[in-house]
Amino acid sequence: MYYEWGNGFDPSRPTAVLLHDGLGAVGSWRGLPARLSENLNINTLVYDRFGYGRSQARTAFPDRFMEGEVPVLPGLLDHLGLDQDRVHLVGHSDGGSIALLFAGRYPDRVGAVVTEAAHVFVEEKTQAGIRDLVTLQSQGRTPGWLHKLHGERAESLLTLWSERWLTDLHAGWDIRSHLPAVRAPVLAVQGEEDEFGTQAQVDSILQGVAGSSSWIAPQCGHTPHAQAEDAFLEKVSVFLQAHL
């Protein structure tokens, strides 16, 4: 598994873990990990999940694959000597869903959670957006950023991931019943023009997690951390600072 520290590691500092989206990797976060580390004087850990970026390849995405990612993170944290520490989680899209699932399963290991465009149930809008990506791939127009992040595995990753997301079985995927188990404070972020989901996702998080709050990023789509990096950094910094 490939991982990086956004701005070095100091065992005396708190740690935030950034979880990339369903087609993302360490590089998806661009300069955010380092800036967040400097803003708050914390460690920021970013890693490529299996099948992504520079981590070990995978040949399939099984049913409930996001739940399957949850027990991987404690192993990584323990390996890095963070077995006794609470960490803060910042998760984008699929990564946001994994962050919520992790916080519900391991509440004593999580200080605060930021979700960005997280999915807590499957919407037709999400599947329609994924179908658009599949259409581009079939036309030989797979987005260049996929190749930049994943190299030779870009095409197979998109195929495997989209096939799972678009199955009838996954259409019924819903983790709203897991949300009441989340004890950490949650900031739910979503772009007001998100092309892969609606505000119903944020509303569900607010209803399911006690004490949660939200920010709807104006004039942003699915990636506010890239489309409004300064504003996103400020919102996340203020939120996490209150819980360090």
Protein backbone atom coordinates (compact mmCIF):
# COMPACT_ATOMS: atom_id res chain seq x y z
CA MET A 1 0.00 0.00 0.00
CA TYR A 2 1.39 3.37 -1.03
CA TYR A 3 1.10 6.30 1.41
CA GLU A 4 2.54 9.77 1.94
CA TRP A 5 2.70 12.36 4.70
CA GLY A 6 1.49 15.76 3.52
CA ASN A 7 4.16 17.67 5.43
CA GLY A 8 6.31 15.18 7.31
CA PHE A 9 5.38 13.21 10.42
CA ASP A 10 5.75 14.34 14.03
CA PRO A 11 4.45 11.89 16.68
CA SER A 12 3.55 14.79 18.97
CA ARG A 13 1.02 16.20 16.48
CA PRO A 14 -2.57 15.05 15.85
CA THR A 15 -3.16 13.25 12.56
CA ALA A 16 -5.78 13.67 9.84
CA VAL A 17 -6.27 10.91 7.26
CA LEU A 18 -7.49 11.89 3.78
CA LEU A 19 -9.50 9.23 1.90
CA HIS A 20 -9.69 9.67 -1.87
CA ASP A 21 -12.74 9.22 -4.10
CA GLY A 22 -13.79 6.16 -6.10
CA LEU A 23 -11.52 6.94 -9.05
CA GLY A 24 -8.96 8.99 -7.16
CA ALA A 25 -5.55 8.51 -5.58
CA VAL A 26 -3.04 10.39 -3.45
CA GLY A 27 -2.55 12.88 -6.29
CA SER A 28 -6.24 13.80 -6.31
CA TRP A 29 -5.72 15.94 -3.22
CA ARG A 30 -3.02 18.04 -4.93
CA GLY A 31 -1.60 20.54 -2.42
CA LEU A 32 -4.35 20.20 0.18
CA PRO A 33 -2.60 17.74 2.55
CA ALA A 34 0.44 19.99 2.94
CA ARG A 35 -1.64 23.15 3.31
CA LEU A 36 -3.92 21.54 5.90
CA SER A 37 -0.89 20.29 7.82
CA GLU A 38 0.66 23.75 7.87
CA ASN A 39 -2.61 25.49 8.77
CA LEU A 40 -3.30 23.31 11.81
CA ASN A 41 0.16 21.98 12.72
CA ILE A 42 -1.01 18.41 12.25
CA ASN A 43 0.12 15.33 10.36
CA THR A 44 -1.84 14.61 7.18
CA LEU A 45 -1.75 11.04 5.91
CA VAL A 46 -2.86 10.19 2.37
CA TYR A 47 -2.83 6.73 0.84
CA ASP A 48 -3.87 4.86 -2.30
CA ARG A 49 -6.42 2.16 -1.53
CA PHE A 50 -5.74 -1.24 -3.07
CA GLY A 51 -6.31 -1.11 -6.82
CA TYR A 52 -5.51 2.60 -7.00
CA GLY A 53 -2.49 4.73 -7.84
CA ARG A 54 0.71 3.09 -6.66
CA SER A 55 -0.81 0.48 -4.33
CA GLN A 56 -1.23 -3.20 -5.11
CA ALA A 57 -3.58 -3.93 -8.02
CA ARG A 58 -6.97 -5.59 -7.62
CA THR A 59 -9.04 -7.67 -10.02
CA ALA A 60 -12.55 -6.90 -8.78
CA PHE A 61 -14.71 -4.68 -6.61
CA PRO A 62 -16.90 -7.03 -4.56
CA ASP A 63 -20.37 -6.24 -3.33
CA ARG A 64 -20.26 -3.75 -0.43
CA PHE A 65 -16.67 -2.94 -1.33
CA MET A 66 -16.71 0.29 0.69
CA GLU A 67 -17.51 -1.65 3.86
CA GLY A 68 -14.62 -3.92 2.91
CA GLU A 69 -12.21 -0.97 3.05
CA VAL A 70 -13.03 -0.17 6.69
CA PRO A 71 -10.85 -2.82 8.42
CA VAL A 72 -7.87 -1.96 6.18
CA LEU A 73 -7.37 1.47 7.75
CA PRO A 74 -6.78 0.28 11.35
CA GLY A 75 -4.06 -2.01 10.03
CA LEU A 76 -2.35 0.92 8.32
CA LEU A 77 -2.69 3.14 11.39
CA ASP A 78 -1.27 0.42 13.63
CA HIS A 79 1.62 -0.13 11.22
CA LEU A 80 2.45 3.58 11.42
CA GLY A 81 2.41 3.58 15.22
CA LEU A 82 -0.94 5.37 15.53
CA ASP A 83 -2.67 2.50 17.30
CA GLN A 84 -3.21 4.56 20.46
CA ASP A 85 -4.22 7.82 18.76
CA ARG A 86 -7.53 9.21 17.61
CA VAL A 87 -7.36 10.41 14.02
CA HIS A 88 -9.48 12.88 12.09
CA LEU A 89 -10.91 11.80 8.74
CA VAL A 90 -11.45 13.80 5.55
CA GLY A 91 -13.11 11.68 2.88
CA HIS A 92 -14.16 12.51 -0.68
CA SER A 93 -17.05 10.70 -2.42
CA ASP A 94 -16.49 6.94 -1.85
CA GLY A 95 -13.80 8.00 0.63
CA GLY A 96 -16.39 10.01 2.55
CA SER A 97 -18.64 6.97 2.75
CA ILE A 98 -15.71 4.89 4.04
CA ALA A 99 -14.94 7.59 6.62
CA LEU A 100 -18.50 7.44 7.98
CA LEU A 101 -18.44 3.64 8.08
CA PHE A 102 -15.09 3.68 9.87
CA ALA A 103 -16.26 6.27 12.41
CA GLY A 104 -19.32 4.17 13.17
CA ARG A 105 -17.36 0.93 13.55
CA TYR A 106 -14.37 2.37 15.44
CA PRO A 107 -15.79 5.36 17.33
CA ASP A 108 -12.96 5.42 19.86
CA ARG A 109 -10.39 5.92 17.09
CA VAL A 110 -11.98 8.98 15.45
CA GLY A 111 -11.91 12.60 16.62
CA ALA A 112 -13.83 14.37 13.83
CA VAL A 113 -15.00 13.63 10.29
CA VAL A 114 -15.27 15.78 7.16
CA THR A 115 -17.18 14.26 4.26
CA GLU A 116 -17.06 15.76 0.79
CA ALA A 117 -19.74 14.56 -1.64
CA ALA A 118 -20.15 11.34 0.35
CA HIS A 119 -22.69 8.72 -0.71
CA VAL A 120 -24.92 7.17 1.96
CA PHE A 121 -27.35 5.62 -0.53
CA VAL A 122 -27.40 5.20 -4.30
CA GLU A 123 -29.10 7.85 -6.40
CA GLU A 124 -29.98 7.64 -10.08
CA LYS A 125 -27.99 10.84 -10.57
CA THR A 126 -24.86 9.07 -9.31
CA GLN A 127 -25.31 6.15 -11.66
CA ALA A 128 -26.09 8.48 -14.57
CA GLY A 129 -22.83 10.34 -13.98
CA ILE A 130 -20.92 7.06 -13.95
CA ARG A 131 -22.62 5.96 -17.18
CA ASP A 132 -21.36 9.17 -18.78
CA LEU A 133 -17.78 8.19 -17.84
CA VAL A 134 -18.32 4.71 -19.28
CA THR A 135 -19.59 6.26 -22.51
CA LEU A 136 -16.48 8.41 -22.79
CA GLN A 137 -14.34 5.32 -22.26
CA SER A 138 -16.21 3.40 -24.97
CA GLN A 139 -15.51 6.29 -27.35
CA GLY A 140 -11.80 6.20 -26.56
CA ARG A 141 -12.04 9.44 -24.58
CA THR A 142 -11.24 8.27 -21.06
CA PRO A 143 -10.40 11.41 -19.04
CA GLY A 144 -6.69 12.15 -19.00
CA TRP A 145 -6.62 12.64 -15.24
CA LEU A 146 -7.40 8.93 -14.78
CA HIS A 147 -4.23 7.99 -16.65
CA LYS A 148 -2.24 10.59 -14.73
CA LEU A 149 -3.36 9.12 -11.38
CA HIS A 150 -3.32 5.42 -12.22
CA GLY A 151 -1.10 4.90 -15.25
CA GLU A 152 -1.62 1.66 -17.14
CA ARG A 153 -4.35 0.47 -14.76
CA ALA A 154 -6.63 3.47 -15.46
CA GLU A 155 -8.86 1.74 -18.01
CA SER A 156 -9.30 -1.46 -16.00
CA LEU A 157 -9.96 0.50 -12.81
CA LEU A 158 -12.74 2.50 -14.44
CA THR A 159 -14.24 -0.68 -15.88
CA LEU A 160 -14.16 -2.66 -12.63
CA TRP A 161 -15.37 0.20 -10.43
CA SER A 162 -18.19 1.31 -12.78
CA GLU A 163 -19.39 -2.25 -13.29
CA ARG A 164 -19.87 -2.62 -9.54
CA TRP A 165 -21.54 0.78 -9.09
CA LEU A 166 -23.99 0.09 -11.92
CA THR A 167 -25.18 -3.35 -10.84
CA ASP A 168 -28.77 -3.85 -9.72
CA LEU A 169 -27.42 -5.24 -6.44
CA HIS A 170 -25.41 -2.10 -5.68
CA ALA A 171 -28.42 0.06 -6.59
CA GLY A 172 -29.89 -1.00 -3.24
CA TRP A 173 -26.76 -0.12 -1.25
CA ASP A 174 -27.69 2.10 1.70
CA ILE A 175 -25.67 2.90 4.85
CA ARG A 176 -28.07 5.33 6.49
CA SER A 177 -28.77 2.79 9.25
CA HIS A 178 -25.06 2.95 10.19
CA LEU A 179 -25.01 6.71 10.73
CA PRO A 180 -26.39 6.82 14.31
CA ALA A 181 -23.32 4.82 15.42
CA VAL A 182 -21.07 7.77 14.46
CA ARG A 183 -20.20 9.64 17.64
CA ALA A 184 -17.63 12.01 16.19
CA PRO A 185 -18.72 15.46 14.99
CA VAL A 186 -19.24 15.52 11.21
CA LEU A 187 -19.00 18.34 8.69
CA ALA A 188 -20.79 17.28 5.49
CA VAL A 189 -19.64 19.21 2.41
CA GLN A 190 -21.19 19.09 -1.03
CA GLY A 191 -21.02 21.24 -4.15
CA GLU A 192 -24.31 22.88 -5.02
CA GLU A 193 -23.84 21.70 -8.63
CA ASP A 194 -22.58 18.19 -7.83
CA GLU A 195 -22.97 16.08 -10.97
CA PHE A 196 -22.90 12.79 -9.03
CA GLY A 197 -25.39 13.40 -6.23
CA THR A 198 -28.01 15.65 -4.66
CA GLN A 199 -28.34 17.43 -1.33
CA ALA A 200 -30.39 14.44 -0.14
CA GLN A 201 -27.03 12.87 0.74
CA VAL A 202 -26.12 15.74 3.05
CA ASP A 203 -29.62 15.85 4.51
CA SER A 204 -29.36 12.15 5.35
CA ILE A 205 -26.06 12.68 7.15
CA LEU A 206 -27.52 15.58 9.13
CA GLN A 207 -30.51 13.45 10.11
CA GLY A 208 -28.43 10.39 10.95
CA VAL A 209 -25.45 11.82 12.84
CA ALA A 210 -26.14 13.76 16.01
CA GLY A 211 -24.42 17.15 16.09
CA SER A 212 -23.43 17.14 12.42
CA SER A 213 -23.24 20.29 10.31
CA SER A 214 -22.96 21.07 6.60
CA TRP A 215 -21.51 23.40 4.01
CA ILE A 216 -22.93 23.59 0.50
CA ALA A 217 -20.09 24.92 -1.63
CA PRO A 218 -21.44 27.52 -4.09
CA GLN A 219 -20.75 27.08 -7.80
CA CYS A 220 -18.96 23.79 -7.19
CA GLY A 221 -19.49 20.33 -8.62
CA HIS A 222 -18.29 17.02 -7.20
CA THR A 223 -14.85 18.24 -6.05
CA PRO A 224 -15.04 21.41 -3.94
CA HIS A 225 -11.53 20.72 -2.60
CA ALA A 226 -10.23 21.35 -6.13
CA GLN A 227 -12.84 23.76 -7.47
CA ALA A 228 -12.77 26.05 -4.42
CA GLU A 229 -9.59 24.97 -2.68
CA ASP A 230 -9.09 28.07 -0.52
CA ALA A 231 -12.67 28.13 0.74
CA PHE A 232 -12.64 24.37 1.33
CA LEU A 233 -9.36 24.64 3.24
CA GLU A 234 -10.75 27.41 5.43
CA LYS A 235 -13.99 25.56 6.25
CA VAL A 236 -12.20 22.31 7.04
CA SER A 237 -9.49 24.03 9.06
CA VAL A 238 -11.98 25.90 11.24
CA PHE A 239 -13.99 22.72 11.80
CA LEU A 240 -11.03 20.51 12.66
CA GLN A 241 -9.39 23.19 14.84
CA ALA A 242 -12.44 23.09 17.09
CA HIS A 243 -11.93 19.36 17.69
CA LEU A 244 -8.14 18.97 17.88
